[in-house]
Structure formats: structure tokens, C-alpha cells
Amino acid sequence: MMISELFAKGGPVVWILAGYSLVALTIIVERLIHFSLLGRVPNNFGSQARSALHVGGLGKLTARHRGPEVNVMSAVLEASNEGIRELSRVAERVGSQELQRMERGFRTLAILGNTAPLLGLFGTITGMIKAFMVIEAAGGRVDAQALAGGIWEAMVTTGVGLAVAIPVLLILHLLEGMADRRAQSMKACASLVLERLPHAPESDTEEGAVHHRDGVLHAL
């Protein structure tokens, strides 16, 4: 089936679903580019940070790298140098900001992925209504060709709705996993700094800043 024929037979619902797919594709591409440009700390960054903290060179270490983990550590280190004792709150605030930047657009993708099948089902219902209206107008004596338009619309909209929803939801879960892994890395780096900075009180080293998937940051 040609694309033009698909749009012609599917009716307005297919056009709406095409808009869904265009918006979702734009968000997905933008998010993938964002994650690729975030920067990533090396695998041995934790041991490097411990050594740097021991000799007071954490600032030089963070200056050589970039990423949300580095941003959290730099903010905590700067607050410590300024004599701020509530370092866990600093880590919580910066970690929350970094997480919000990573998860931008996720809610829109979830809405698109969850409503696309419902929109396809709506098109199915309207298509079947059209088919039964043809039957009623013909007094119950119609051939298959007379019903084809309504049946086409009913089947096409369901298929298109699922074709939009399935990849959107799969990619959304992939992006959420990427954000979760970076959040756990931020948590580990923040905990590493909070445990060793002299300005951090004991309660801070025990609590610190973490996040969970709903965007709420808790204490370590």
C-alpha cells in the first residue's frame, strides 16, 4: 500500500497519528543528541576522585572532565570552599537540575505513546460506524465494496496507532534507562565527595543527595 493511499483510506485520524510520529521523532533525536553531548567520566573516575580528594586536587580533576557527575561534584566542592555545611542540599539541588535536563521531553513521549493506540481505536470505531451507516442506508442489502471505505478506515487506524505507539514506548524506556544510569552515577560521585569533604557534617555524609524516578531527590 502506498503512503498516499494509507492516508486517503485512514481518514483524519491517520493524519493526527502522523503528527504524533513527527513530534516523537523530533524529541527522540534531540534527546539522543543531548545524551551524546553530555560527556562521560572514565570508568576509574571514582579512584581518581579519591586520590584527588586526598591531595586536595579535586578541582583540577573535575576541570578535565565534563558531565552531570562532574557538575554535581564541582558544585559541592565550591560550596565546601565557601564554608557551606549543608552540602547534601547542594548535591540534591544540582542533581535535581541535571536530572530534569536529561528527562526533558520524556513526559511528552509517554503521552504520545500511551494515547496513540487509543486514537487508533477511536478511528476504528468511527470507521465501523461509517460501515453500519452504509448498511442502514442500503436497507441491509449491500455488497462488500460498499462497506470497504468504513472497514478500511477501521483497520488502518488501529494498525497505524500501534505502529506509532510501540517504537515510541520502547525508545522511551531506553532513554529512561540511560537517564537512570547517569543518575546512579551522579549519586555515587556525590556520595564520594560528601563522605570526604571536611566541611560536611556527619549527618550530610550519611544522607547526601539522591533521586528516584519520579524526580524527587532524597538523602543518601
N, C-alpha and C. Protein backbone atom coordinates (compact mmCIF):
# COMPACT_ATOMS: atom_id res chain seq x y z
N MET A 1 0.85 -1.20 0.00
CA MET A 1 0.00 0.00 0.00
C MET A 1 0.89 1.25 0.00
N MET A 2 0.58 2.18 -0.89
CA MET A 2 1.32 3.43 -0.95
C MET A 2 0.96 4.31 0.25
N ILE A 3 1.89 5.20 0.62
CA ILE A 3 1.65 6.08 1.75
C ILE A 3 0.45 6.98 1.49
N SER A 4 0.35 7.48 0.27
CA SER A 4 -0.78 8.35 -0.06
C SER A 4 -2.10 7.61 0.08
N GLU A 5 -2.12 6.34 -0.32
CA GLU A 5 -3.33 5.54 -0.18
C GLU A 5 -3.66 5.28 1.28
N LEU A 6 -2.63 5.09 2.08
CA LEU A 6 -2.83 4.89 3.51
C LEU A 6 -3.51 6.09 4.15
N PHE A 7 -3.04 7.28 3.82
CA PHE A 7 -3.65 8.49 4.36
C PHE A 7 -5.07 8.69 3.83
N ALA A 8 -5.27 8.35 2.55
CA ALA A 8 -6.61 8.53 1.97
C ALA A 8 -7.63 7.60 2.60
N LYS A 9 -7.25 6.37 2.86
CA LYS A 9 -8.18 5.40 3.41
C LYS A 9 -8.32 5.50 4.93
N GLY A 10 -7.28 5.97 5.59
CA GLY A 10 -7.32 6.04 7.05
C GLY A 10 -8.08 7.21 7.61
N GLY A 11 -8.27 8.24 6.81
CA GLY A 11 -9.03 9.39 7.27
C GLY A 11 -8.21 10.32 8.16
N PRO A 12 -8.86 11.26 8.84
CA PRO A 12 -8.16 12.29 9.63
C PRO A 12 -7.36 11.72 10.79
N VAL A 13 -7.78 10.58 11.33
CA VAL A 13 -7.05 10.00 12.46
C VAL A 13 -5.62 9.66 12.07
N VAL A 14 -5.42 9.16 10.85
CA VAL A 14 -4.08 8.82 10.39
C VAL A 14 -3.21 10.07 10.29
N TRP A 15 -3.79 11.18 9.87
CA TRP A 15 -3.04 12.43 9.82
C TRP A 15 -2.61 12.88 11.22
N ILE A 16 -3.51 12.71 12.18
CA ILE A 16 -3.15 13.06 13.56
C ILE A 16 -2.03 12.16 14.07
N LEU A 17 -2.11 10.87 13.77
CA LEU A 17 -1.06 9.94 14.19
C LEU A 17 0.26 10.24 13.49
N ALA A 18 0.19 10.73 12.26
CA ALA A 18 1.42 11.14 11.57
C ALA A 18 2.07 12.33 12.30
N GLY A 19 1.22 13.24 12.79
CA GLY A 19 1.74 14.34 13.60
C GLY A 19 2.36 13.83 14.88
N TYR A 20 1.72 12.83 15.51
CA TYR A 20 2.29 12.20 16.69
C TYR A 20 3.71 11.70 16.40
N SER A 21 3.85 10.96 15.31
CA SER A 21 5.14 10.35 15.00
C SER A 21 6.20 11.41 14.72
N LEU A 22 5.80 12.50 14.08
CA LEU A 22 6.76 13.57 13.78
C LEU A 22 7.25 14.24 15.06
N VAL A 23 6.32 14.52 15.99
CA VAL A 23 6.70 15.13 17.27
C VAL A 23 7.60 14.18 18.07
N ALA A 24 7.21 12.89 18.10
CA ALA A 24 8.01 11.91 18.85
C ALA A 24 9.40 11.77 18.26
N LEU A 25 9.50 11.73 16.93
CA LEU A 25 10.80 11.59 16.29
C LEU A 25 11.69 12.79 16.59
N THR A 26 11.11 13.97 16.60
CA THR A 26 11.88 15.18 16.91
C THR A 26 12.45 15.12 18.33
N ILE A 27 11.60 14.73 19.28
CA ILE A 27 12.05 14.64 20.68
C ILE A 27 13.12 13.57 20.84
N ILE A 28 12.92 12.42 20.21
CA ILE A 28 13.87 11.31 20.35
C ILE A 28 15.24 11.70 19.79
N VAL A 29 15.26 12.29 18.62
CA VAL A 29 16.54 12.70 18.02
C VAL A 29 17.23 13.74 18.90
N GLU A 30 16.45 14.71 19.39
CA GLU A 30 17.03 15.75 20.26
C GLU A 30 17.59 15.15 21.53
N ARG A 31 16.90 14.19 22.13
CA ARG A 31 17.37 13.57 23.37
C ARG A 31 18.62 12.73 23.12
N LEU A 32 18.66 12.01 22.01
CA LEU A 32 19.85 11.21 21.71
C LEU A 32 21.06 12.10 21.49
N ILE A 33 20.86 13.21 20.81
CA ILE A 33 21.95 14.17 20.63
C ILE A 33 22.39 14.74 21.99
N HIS A 34 21.41 15.05 22.84
CA HIS A 34 21.72 15.60 24.17
C HIS A 34 22.57 14.61 24.97
N PHE A 35 22.18 13.34 24.98
CA PHE A 35 22.94 12.35 25.75
C PHE A 35 24.33 12.14 25.16
N SER A 36 24.44 12.21 23.83
CA SER A 36 25.75 12.01 23.21
C SER A 36 26.70 13.16 23.51
N LEU A 37 26.15 14.34 23.80
CA LEU A 37 26.98 15.52 24.07
C LEU A 37 27.18 15.76 25.57
N LEU A 38 26.59 14.94 26.41
CA LEU A 38 26.71 15.16 27.85
C LEU A 38 28.13 15.05 28.36
N GLY A 39 28.89 14.19 27.75
CA GLY A 39 30.21 13.89 28.30
C GLY A 39 30.12 12.75 29.29
N ARG A 40 31.17 11.98 29.41
CA ARG A 40 31.16 10.82 30.29
C ARG A 40 32.49 10.72 31.02
N VAL A 41 32.41 10.46 32.30
CA VAL A 41 33.63 10.29 33.08
C VAL A 41 34.19 8.90 32.83
N PRO A 42 35.52 8.73 32.96
CA PRO A 42 36.12 7.40 32.74
C PRO A 42 35.70 6.40 33.80
N ASN A 43 35.91 5.13 33.51
CA ASN A 43 35.50 4.06 34.44
C ASN A 43 36.22 4.14 35.78
N ASN A 44 37.44 4.62 35.77
CA ASN A 44 38.21 4.71 37.01
C ASN A 44 38.11 6.10 37.64
N PHE A 45 37.05 6.83 37.31
CA PHE A 45 36.92 8.19 37.81
C PHE A 45 36.78 8.21 39.33
N GLY A 46 36.15 7.19 39.90
CA GLY A 46 35.99 7.13 41.35
C GLY A 46 37.32 7.06 42.07
N SER A 47 38.21 6.20 41.59
CA SER A 47 39.53 6.10 42.22
C SER A 47 40.34 7.37 42.00
N GLN A 48 40.20 7.99 40.83
CA GLN A 48 40.88 9.26 40.59
C GLN A 48 40.37 10.35 41.54
N ALA A 49 39.06 10.36 41.76
CA ALA A 49 38.48 11.37 42.66
C ALA A 49 38.96 11.16 44.09
N ARG A 50 39.06 9.91 44.52
CA ARG A 50 39.55 9.64 45.89
C ARG A 50 40.98 10.14 46.06
N SER A 51 41.81 9.85 45.07
CA SER A 51 43.21 10.31 45.13
C SER A 51 43.29 11.83 45.11
N ALA A 52 42.45 12.45 44.27
CA ALA A 52 42.46 13.91 44.18
C ALA A 52 41.97 14.54 45.46
N LEU A 53 40.96 13.95 46.09
CA LEU A 53 40.48 14.48 47.37
C LEU A 53 41.55 14.37 48.44
N HIS A 54 42.32 13.30 48.38
CA HIS A 54 43.36 13.08 49.40
C HIS A 54 44.44 14.16 49.33
N VAL A 55 44.74 14.63 48.12
CA VAL A 55 45.80 15.63 47.96
C VAL A 55 45.23 17.03 47.70
N GLY A 56 43.91 17.15 47.76
CA GLY A 56 43.28 18.45 47.56
C GLY A 56 43.27 18.91 46.11
N GLY A 57 43.25 17.97 45.18
CA GLY A 57 43.27 18.35 43.76
C GLY A 57 42.01 17.99 43.02
N LEU A 58 40.87 17.93 43.73
CA LEU A 58 39.62 17.56 43.07
C LEU A 58 39.21 18.60 42.02
N GLY A 59 39.47 19.86 42.31
CA GLY A 59 39.11 20.92 41.36
C GLY A 59 39.81 20.74 40.02
N LYS A 60 41.08 20.38 40.05
CA LYS A 60 41.83 20.16 38.82
C LYS A 60 41.29 18.95 38.07
N LEU A 61 40.87 17.92 38.82
CA LEU A 61 40.34 16.71 38.18
C LEU A 61 39.02 17.02 37.48
N THR A 62 38.12 17.69 38.15
CA THR A 62 36.81 17.99 37.55
C THR A 62 36.95 18.94 36.36
N ALA A 63 38.00 19.78 36.36
CA ALA A 63 38.19 20.70 35.25
C ALA A 63 38.57 19.96 33.97
N ARG A 64 39.09 18.74 34.09
CA ARG A 64 39.49 17.97 32.91
C ARG A 64 38.37 17.13 32.32
N HIS A 65 37.24 17.07 32.99
CA HIS A 65 36.13 16.24 32.53
C HIS A 65 34.84 17.07 32.51
N ARG A 66 33.82 16.51 31.89
CA ARG A 66 32.53 17.17 31.87
C ARG A 66 31.43 16.12 31.94
N GLY A 67 30.26 16.56 32.37
CA GLY A 67 29.13 15.65 32.53
C GLY A 67 28.36 15.99 33.79
N PRO A 68 27.18 15.42 33.98
CA PRO A 68 26.38 15.72 35.17
C PRO A 68 27.08 15.33 36.47
N GLU A 69 27.84 14.23 36.44
CA GLU A 69 28.57 13.82 37.64
C GLU A 69 29.58 14.88 38.05
N VAL A 70 30.30 15.41 37.08
CA VAL A 70 31.30 16.45 37.34
C VAL A 70 30.62 17.71 37.84
N ASN A 71 29.47 18.05 37.27
CA ASN A 71 28.76 19.25 37.70
C ASN A 71 28.33 19.16 39.16
N VAL A 72 27.87 17.99 39.58
CA VAL A 72 27.47 17.80 40.98
C VAL A 72 28.68 17.92 41.90
N MET A 73 29.75 17.25 41.54
CA MET A 73 30.95 17.29 42.37
C MET A 73 31.52 18.70 42.45
N SER A 74 31.54 19.41 41.34
CA SER A 74 32.08 20.77 41.33
C SER A 74 31.24 21.70 42.21
N ALA A 75 29.90 21.52 42.15
CA ALA A 75 29.02 22.37 42.96
C ALA A 75 29.24 22.11 44.44
N VAL A 76 29.38 20.84 44.81
CA VAL A 76 29.62 20.50 46.22
C VAL A 76 30.96 21.03 46.67
N LEU A 77 31.99 20.89 45.84
CA LEU A 77 33.32 21.38 46.20
C LEU A 77 33.33 22.89 46.35
N GLU A 78 32.65 23.59 45.45
CA GLU A 78 32.59 25.05 45.54
C GLU A 78 31.85 25.48 46.81
N ALA A 79 30.76 24.79 47.14
CA ALA A 79 30.03 25.12 48.36
C ALA A 79 30.87 24.86 49.59
N SER A 80 31.64 23.78 49.54
CA SER A 80 32.51 23.47 50.68
C SER A 80 33.58 24.54 50.86
N ASN A 81 34.14 25.02 49.76
CA ASN A 81 35.16 26.07 49.84
C ASN A 81 34.58 27.37 50.38
N GLU A 82 33.28 27.57 50.17
CA GLU A 82 32.62 28.78 50.69
C GLU A 82 32.18 28.61 52.14
N GLY A 83 32.42 27.45 52.73
CA GLY A 83 32.08 27.22 54.12
C GLY A 83 30.65 26.76 54.35
N ILE A 84 29.96 26.40 53.32
CA ILE A 84 28.58 25.91 53.47
C ILE A 84 28.61 24.50 54.06
N ARG A 85 27.82 24.27 55.09
CA ARG A 85 27.83 22.97 55.75
C ARG A 85 26.74 22.04 55.25
N GLU A 86 25.66 22.58 54.72
CA GLU A 86 24.58 21.73 54.21
C GLU A 86 24.91 21.28 52.78
N LEU A 87 25.98 20.53 52.65
CA LEU A 87 26.43 20.13 51.32
C LEU A 87 25.48 19.14 50.66
N SER A 88 24.78 18.36 51.46
CA SER A 88 23.84 17.41 50.87
C SER A 88 22.72 18.12 50.13
N ARG A 89 22.32 19.28 50.64
CA ARG A 89 21.29 20.06 49.96
C ARG A 89 21.80 20.62 48.63
N VAL A 90 23.07 20.97 48.61
CA VAL A 90 23.67 21.45 47.37
C VAL A 90 23.68 20.33 46.33
N ALA A 91 24.12 19.14 46.76
CA ALA A 91 24.14 17.99 45.85
C ALA A 91 22.73 17.65 45.37
N GLU A 92 21.77 17.75 46.28
CA GLU A 92 20.38 17.45 45.92
C GLU A 92 19.87 18.43 44.87
N ARG A 93 20.13 19.70 45.08
CA ARG A 93 19.64 20.72 44.15
C ARG A 93 20.27 20.57 42.77
N VAL A 94 21.59 20.44 42.71
CA VAL A 94 22.27 20.33 41.43
C VAL A 94 21.91 19.02 40.74
N GLY A 95 21.83 17.94 41.51
CA GLY A 95 21.44 16.66 40.93
C GLY A 95 20.05 16.70 40.34
N SER A 96 19.13 17.38 41.01
CA SER A 96 17.77 17.53 40.50
C SER A 96 17.76 18.30 39.19
N GLN A 97 18.55 19.36 39.12
CA GLN A 97 18.62 20.15 37.89
C GLN A 97 19.18 19.33 36.74
N GLU A 98 20.23 18.57 37.00
CA GLU A 98 20.82 17.74 35.95
C GLU A 98 19.85 16.67 35.48
N LEU A 99 19.11 16.08 36.42
CA LEU A 99 18.14 15.05 36.06
C LEU A 99 17.01 15.62 35.23
N GLN A 100 16.54 16.80 35.58
CA GLN A 100 15.48 17.43 34.80
C GLN A 100 15.94 17.72 33.38
N ARG A 101 17.20 18.11 33.21
CA ARG A 101 17.70 18.35 31.85
C ARG A 101 17.73 17.05 31.05
N MET A 102 18.10 15.96 31.68
CA MET A 102 18.17 14.68 30.97
C MET A 102 16.78 14.14 30.63
N GLU A 103 15.80 14.41 31.48
CA GLU A 103 14.47 13.84 31.28
C GLU A 103 13.52 14.78 30.55
N ARG A 104 14.02 15.87 30.03
CA ARG A 104 13.17 16.80 29.30
C ARG A 104 12.57 16.09 28.07
N GLY A 105 11.26 16.15 27.92
CA GLY A 105 10.59 15.53 26.79
C GLY A 105 10.07 14.13 27.07
N PHE A 106 10.49 13.52 28.18
CA PHE A 106 10.05 12.16 28.48
C PHE A 106 8.54 12.08 28.69
N ARG A 107 7.99 13.06 29.37
CA ARG A 107 6.55 13.04 29.64
C ARG A 107 5.75 13.16 28.35
N THR A 108 6.24 13.99 27.43
CA THR A 108 5.55 14.12 26.14
C THR A 108 5.60 12.81 25.37
N LEU A 109 6.74 12.13 25.38
CA LEU A 109 6.84 10.84 24.72
C LEU A 109 5.89 9.82 25.34
N ALA A 110 5.77 9.84 26.67
CA ALA A 110 4.86 8.92 27.34
C ALA A 110 3.41 9.19 26.94
N ILE A 111 3.05 10.47 26.85
CA ILE A 111 1.68 10.81 26.44
C ILE A 111 1.41 10.35 25.02
N LEU A 112 2.36 10.60 24.11
CA LEU A 112 2.18 10.19 22.72
C LEU A 112 2.08 8.67 22.60
N GLY A 113 2.97 7.97 23.29
CA GLY A 113 2.98 6.51 23.19
C GLY A 113 1.75 5.87 23.79
N ASN A 114 1.22 6.45 24.86
CA ASN A 114 0.06 5.86 25.52
C ASN A 114 -1.26 6.22 24.86
N THR A 115 -1.32 7.35 24.19
CA THR A 115 -2.58 7.77 23.58
C THR A 115 -2.70 7.36 22.11
N ALA A 116 -1.59 7.03 21.46
CA ALA A 116 -1.65 6.64 20.04
C ALA A 116 -2.54 5.42 19.81
N PRO A 117 -2.45 4.34 20.62
CA PRO A 117 -3.36 3.20 20.40
C PRO A 117 -4.82 3.59 20.65
N LEU A 118 -5.07 4.46 21.62
CA LEU A 118 -6.44 4.89 21.88
C LEU A 118 -6.98 5.70 20.70
N LEU A 119 -6.12 6.53 20.12
CA LEU A 119 -6.55 7.29 18.95
C LEU A 119 -6.82 6.36 17.78
N GLY A 120 -5.99 5.34 17.63
CA GLY A 120 -6.24 4.35 16.58
C GLY A 120 -7.55 3.60 16.82
N LEU A 121 -7.83 3.29 18.07
CA LEU A 121 -9.11 2.64 18.39
C LEU A 121 -10.29 3.56 18.10
N PHE A 122 -10.11 4.85 18.36
CA PHE A 122 -11.15 5.81 18.03
C PHE A 122 -11.43 5.81 16.53
N GLY A 123 -10.36 5.75 15.73
CA GLY A 123 -10.54 5.66 14.28
C GLY A 123 -11.22 4.39 13.86
N THR A 124 -10.95 3.30 14.58
CA THR A 124 -11.62 2.04 14.29
C THR A 124 -13.13 2.15 14.53
N ILE A 125 -13.49 2.77 15.64
CA ILE A 125 -14.91 2.93 15.96
C ILE A 125 -15.61 3.80 14.92
N THR A 126 -14.98 4.91 14.54
CA THR A 126 -15.61 5.78 13.54
C THR A 126 -15.73 5.08 12.19
N GLY A 127 -14.74 4.26 11.84
CA GLY A 127 -14.82 3.51 10.60
C GLY A 127 -15.95 2.50 10.61
N MET A 128 -16.13 1.82 11.73
CA MET A 128 -17.22 0.85 11.83
C MET A 128 -18.58 1.55 11.82
N ILE A 129 -18.64 2.73 12.41
CA ILE A 129 -19.89 3.50 12.37
C ILE A 129 -20.25 3.83 10.93
N LYS A 130 -19.24 4.24 10.15
CA LYS A 130 -19.50 4.54 8.75
C LYS A 130 -19.99 3.31 8.00
N ALA A 131 -19.38 2.16 8.30
CA ALA A 131 -19.80 0.93 7.62
C ALA A 131 -21.25 0.59 7.94
N PHE A 132 -21.63 0.71 9.20
CA PHE A 132 -23.02 0.39 9.57
C PHE A 132 -23.99 1.44 9.03
N MET A 133 -23.53 2.67 8.88
CA MET A 133 -24.39 3.68 8.28
C MET A 133 -24.68 3.34 6.82
N VAL A 134 -23.68 2.80 6.10
CA VAL A 134 -23.88 2.36 4.72
C VAL A 134 -24.89 1.22 4.67
N ILE A 135 -24.77 0.28 5.61
CA ILE A 135 -25.70 -0.84 5.65
C ILE A 135 -27.13 -0.35 5.89
N GLU A 136 -27.26 0.60 6.82
CA GLU A 136 -28.59 1.12 7.13
C GLU A 136 -29.18 1.86 5.93
N ALA A 137 -28.34 2.67 5.25
CA ALA A 137 -28.84 3.43 4.11
C ALA A 137 -29.27 2.52 2.97
N ALA A 138 -28.63 1.36 2.84
CA ALA A 138 -28.97 0.43 1.76
C ALA A 138 -30.05 -0.55 2.17
N GLY A 139 -30.61 -0.39 3.36
CA GLY A 139 -31.67 -1.29 3.81
C GLY A 139 -31.20 -2.68 4.11
N GLY A 140 -29.91 -2.81 4.45
CA GLY A 140 -29.38 -4.12 4.82
C GLY A 140 -28.89 -4.93 3.65
N ARG A 141 -29.05 -4.44 2.42
CA ARG A 141 -28.63 -5.18 1.24
C ARG A 141 -27.48 -4.43 0.57
N VAL A 142 -26.27 -4.76 0.98
CA VAL A 142 -25.08 -4.13 0.41
C VAL A 142 -24.04 -5.18 0.11
N ASP A 143 -23.14 -4.86 -0.81
CA ASP A 143 -22.03 -5.77 -1.08
C ASP A 143 -20.78 -5.30 -0.33
N ALA A 144 -19.73 -6.09 -0.44
CA ALA A 144 -18.50 -5.78 0.30
C ALA A 144 -17.87 -4.48 -0.15
N GLN A 145 -17.97 -4.17 -1.42
CA GLN A 145 -17.36 -2.95 -1.92
C GLN A 145 -17.97 -1.70 -1.30
N ALA A 146 -19.27 -1.75 -1.03
CA ALA A 146 -19.93 -0.61 -0.42
C ALA A 146 -19.45 -0.38 1.01
N LEU A 147 -19.02 -1.46 1.67
CA LEU A 147 -18.56 -1.35 3.06
C LEU A 147 -17.05 -1.10 3.15
N ALA A 148 -16.36 -1.16 2.02
CA ALA A 148 -14.90 -1.15 2.06
C ALA A 148 -14.33 0.10 2.70
N GLY A 149 -14.94 1.27 2.41
CA GLY A 149 -14.39 2.51 2.95
C GLY A 149 -14.35 2.52 4.46
N GLY A 150 -15.47 2.18 5.10
CA GLY A 150 -15.51 2.18 6.56
C GLY A 150 -14.61 1.13 7.17
N ILE A 151 -14.56 -0.06 6.55
CA ILE A 151 -13.72 -1.13 7.08
C ILE A 151 -12.24 -0.79 6.91
N TRP A 152 -11.89 -0.20 5.77
CA TRP A 152 -10.51 0.24 5.57
C TRP A 152 -10.09 1.20 6.68
N GLU A 153 -10.91 2.20 6.94
CA GLU A 153 -10.58 3.19 7.96
C GLU A 153 -10.44 2.53 9.33
N ALA A 154 -11.33 1.57 9.62
CA ALA A 154 -11.29 0.90 10.91
C ALA A 154 -9.99 0.13 11.10
N MET A 155 -9.56 -0.60 10.09
CA MET A 155 -8.36 -1.42 10.21
C MET A 155 -7.08 -0.59 10.15
N VAL A 156 -7.06 0.38 9.25
CA VAL A 156 -5.84 1.18 9.05
C VAL A 156 -5.50 1.98 10.30
N THR A 157 -6.49 2.61 10.91
CA THR A 157 -6.20 3.46 12.07
C THR A 157 -5.67 2.64 13.25
N THR A 158 -6.19 1.44 13.43
CA THR A 158 -5.68 0.58 14.51
C THR A 158 -4.22 0.23 14.25
N GLY A 159 -3.91 -0.18 13.01
CA GLY A 159 -2.54 -0.54 12.68
C GLY A 159 -1.58 0.62 12.82
N VAL A 160 -1.98 1.79 12.35
CA VAL A 160 -1.10 2.95 12.43
C VAL A 160 -0.90 3.37 13.89
N GLY A 161 -1.97 3.31 14.69
CA GLY A 161 -1.85 3.66 16.11
C GLY A 161 -0.84 2.79 16.82
N LEU A 162 -0.88 1.48 16.56
CA LEU A 162 0.08 0.57 17.18
C LEU A 162 1.48 0.77 16.61
N ALA A 163 1.56 1.06 15.32
CA ALA A 163 2.87 1.27 14.70
C ALA A 163 3.56 2.51 15.25
N VAL A 164 2.79 3.49 15.69
CA VAL A 164 3.38 4.69 16.31
C VAL A 164 3.72 4.42 17.77
N ALA A 165 2.82 3.77 18.49
CA ALA A 165 2.98 3.62 19.94
C ALA A 165 4.12 2.68 20.32
N ILE A 166 4.26 1.56 19.64
CA ILE A 166 5.23 0.54 20.05
C ILE A 166 6.66 1.07 20.01
N PRO A 167 7.16 1.63 18.89
CA PRO A 167 8.54 2.13 18.92
C PRO A 167 8.74 3.32 19.85
N VAL A 168 7.72 4.17 19.98
CA VAL A 168 7.86 5.33 20.87
C VAL A 168 8.05 4.87 22.31
N LEU A 169 7.25 3.90 22.76
CA LEU A 169 7.36 3.42 24.13
C LEU A 169 8.66 2.65 24.35
N LEU A 170 9.09 1.88 23.37
CA LEU A 170 10.35 1.16 23.50
C LEU A 170 11.53 2.13 23.63
N ILE A 171 11.56 3.14 22.78
CA ILE A 171 12.65 4.11 22.84
C ILE A 171 12.58 4.94 24.11
N LEU A 172 11.36 5.22 24.58
CA LEU A 172 11.21 5.95 25.85
C LEU A 172 11.83 5.17 26.99
N HIS A 173 11.58 3.86 27.05
CA HIS A 173 12.18 3.04 28.11
C HIS A 173 13.71 3.02 27.97
N LEU A 174 14.21 3.02 26.75
CA LEU A 174 15.65 3.07 26.54
C LEU A 174 16.23 4.38 27.07
N LEU A 175 15.58 5.49 26.77
CA LEU A 175 16.05 6.79 27.25
C LEU A 175 15.95 6.88 28.77
N GLU A 176 14.87 6.34 29.35
CA GLU A 176 14.75 6.34 30.81
C GLU A 176 15.87 5.54 31.45
N GLY A 177 16.24 4.42 30.83
CA GLY A 177 17.36 3.64 31.34
C GLY A 177 18.66 4.41 31.30
N MET A 178 18.88 5.15 30.22
CA MET A 178 20.09 5.97 30.12
C MET A 178 20.10 7.04 31.20
N ALA A 179 18.96 7.68 31.44
CA ALA A 179 18.89 8.70 32.48
C ALA A 179 19.09 8.09 33.86
N ASP A 180 18.53 6.91 34.09
CA ASP A 180 18.70 6.24 35.39
C ASP A 180 20.16 5.92 35.67
N ARG A 181 20.86 5.43 34.65
CA ARG A 181 22.27 5.08 34.85
C ARG A 181 23.11 6.32 35.17
N ARG A 182 22.82 7.43 34.49
CA ARG A 182 23.56 8.65 34.79
C ARG A 182 23.19 9.17 36.18
N ALA A 183 21.92 9.00 36.59
CA ALA A 183 21.52 9.44 37.92
C ALA A 183 22.23 8.63 39.01
N GLN A 184 22.36 7.33 38.78
CA GLN A 184 23.08 6.49 39.75
C GLN A 184 24.55 6.88 39.80
N SER A 185 25.10 7.24 38.65
CA SER A 185 26.50 7.69 38.63
C SER A 185 26.65 9.01 39.38
N MET A 186 25.68 9.92 39.21
CA MET A 186 25.71 11.17 39.97
C MET A 186 25.63 10.90 41.46
N LYS A 187 24.77 9.98 41.82
CA LYS A 187 24.60 9.63 43.24
C LYS A 187 25.92 9.11 43.82
N ALA A 188 26.60 8.23 43.08
CA ALA A 188 27.85 7.68 43.57
C ALA A 188 28.92 8.76 43.71
N CYS A 189 29.01 9.64 42.74
CA CYS A 189 30.02 10.71 42.80
C CYS A 189 29.72 11.69 43.93
N ALA A 190 28.43 12.04 44.10
CA ALA A 190 28.07 12.95 45.19
C ALA A 190 28.39 12.33 46.54
N SER A 191 28.08 11.05 46.69
CA SER A 191 28.36 10.35 47.95
C SER A 191 29.85 10.31 48.23
N LEU A 192 30.64 10.09 47.18
CA LEU A 192 32.09 10.03 47.34
C LEU A 192 32.64 11.35 47.88
N VAL A 193 32.16 12.45 47.36
CA VAL A 193 32.64 13.76 47.81
C VAL A 193 32.12 14.08 49.20
N LEU A 194 30.84 13.81 49.45
CA LEU A 194 30.24 14.15 50.75
C LEU A 194 30.88 13.37 51.89
N GLU A 195 31.35 12.18 51.60
CA GLU A 195 31.98 11.36 52.64
C GLU A 195 33.35 11.87 53.05
N ARG A 196 33.98 12.67 52.21
CA ARG A 196 35.38 13.02 52.43
C ARG A 196 35.67 14.51 52.64
N LEU A 197 34.73 15.37 52.28
CA LEU A 197 35.00 16.79 52.47
C LEU A 197 34.91 17.16 53.94
N PRO A 198 35.86 17.92 54.46
CA PRO A 198 35.88 18.22 55.90
C PRO A 198 34.75 19.12 56.34
N HIS A 199 34.17 19.92 55.45
CA HIS A 199 33.10 20.82 55.85
C HIS A 199 31.76 20.12 55.98
N ALA A 200 31.66 18.90 55.46
CA ALA A 200 30.38 18.21 55.51
C ALA A 200 30.17 17.63 56.90
N PRO A 201 29.07 17.93 57.59
CA PRO A 201 28.80 17.34 58.89
C PRO A 201 28.46 15.88 58.74
N GLU A 202 28.44 15.18 59.88
CA GLU A 202 28.22 13.74 59.85
C GLU A 202 26.87 13.38 59.25
N SER A 203 25.85 14.18 59.54
CA SER A 203 24.53 13.88 59.01
C SER A 203 24.52 13.98 57.50
N ASP A 204 25.34 14.89 56.94
CA ASP A 204 25.39 15.03 55.49
C ASP A 204 26.02 13.81 54.84
N THR A 205 27.10 13.29 55.46
CA THR A 205 27.75 12.15 54.86
C THR A 205 26.86 10.93 54.91
N GLU A 206 25.95 10.87 55.85
CA GLU A 206 25.05 9.73 55.95
C GLU A 206 23.85 9.90 55.02
N GLU A 207 23.48 11.18 54.75
CA GLU A 207 22.25 11.38 54.00
C GLU A 207 22.53 11.78 52.55
N GLY A 208 23.18 12.92 52.29
CA GLY A 208 23.53 13.30 50.94
C GLY A 208 22.33 13.51 50.05
N ALA A 209 22.59 13.39 48.74
CA ALA A 209 21.52 13.65 47.78
C ALA A 209 21.42 12.52 46.79
N VAL A 210 20.23 12.01 46.63
CA VAL A 210 19.94 11.00 45.62
C VAL A 210 18.64 11.38 44.98
N HIS A 211 18.25 10.62 43.99
CA HIS A 211 16.99 10.86 43.33
C HIS A 211 16.27 9.54 43.12
N HIS A 212 14.97 9.59 42.87
CA HIS A 212 14.28 8.43 42.38
C HIS A 212 13.58 8.81 41.09
N ARG A 213 12.91 7.84 40.41
CA ARG A 213 12.44 8.04 39.05
C ARG A 213 11.36 9.09 38.93
N ASP A 214 10.67 9.42 39.97
CA ASP A 214 9.63 10.43 39.89
C ASP A 214 10.19 11.82 39.98
N GLY A 215 11.52 11.95 39.99
CA GLY A 215 12.14 13.27 40.01
C GLY A 215 12.30 13.84 41.39
N VAL A 216 12.03 13.03 42.44
CA VAL A 216 12.17 13.53 43.81
C VAL A 216 13.53 13.10 44.32
N LEU A 217 14.28 14.04 44.83
CA LEU A 217 15.60 13.72 45.36
C LEU A 217 15.50 13.50 46.86
N HIS A 218 16.13 12.42 47.30
CA HIS A 218 16.13 12.08 48.72
C HIS A 218 17.57 12.12 49.25
N ALA A 219 17.73 11.87 50.53
CA ALA A 219 19.06 11.85 51.13
C ALA A 219 19.68 10.48 50.97
N LEU A 220 20.99 10.48 50.79
CA LEU A 220 21.70 9.20 50.68
C LEU A 220 21.70 8.50 52.03
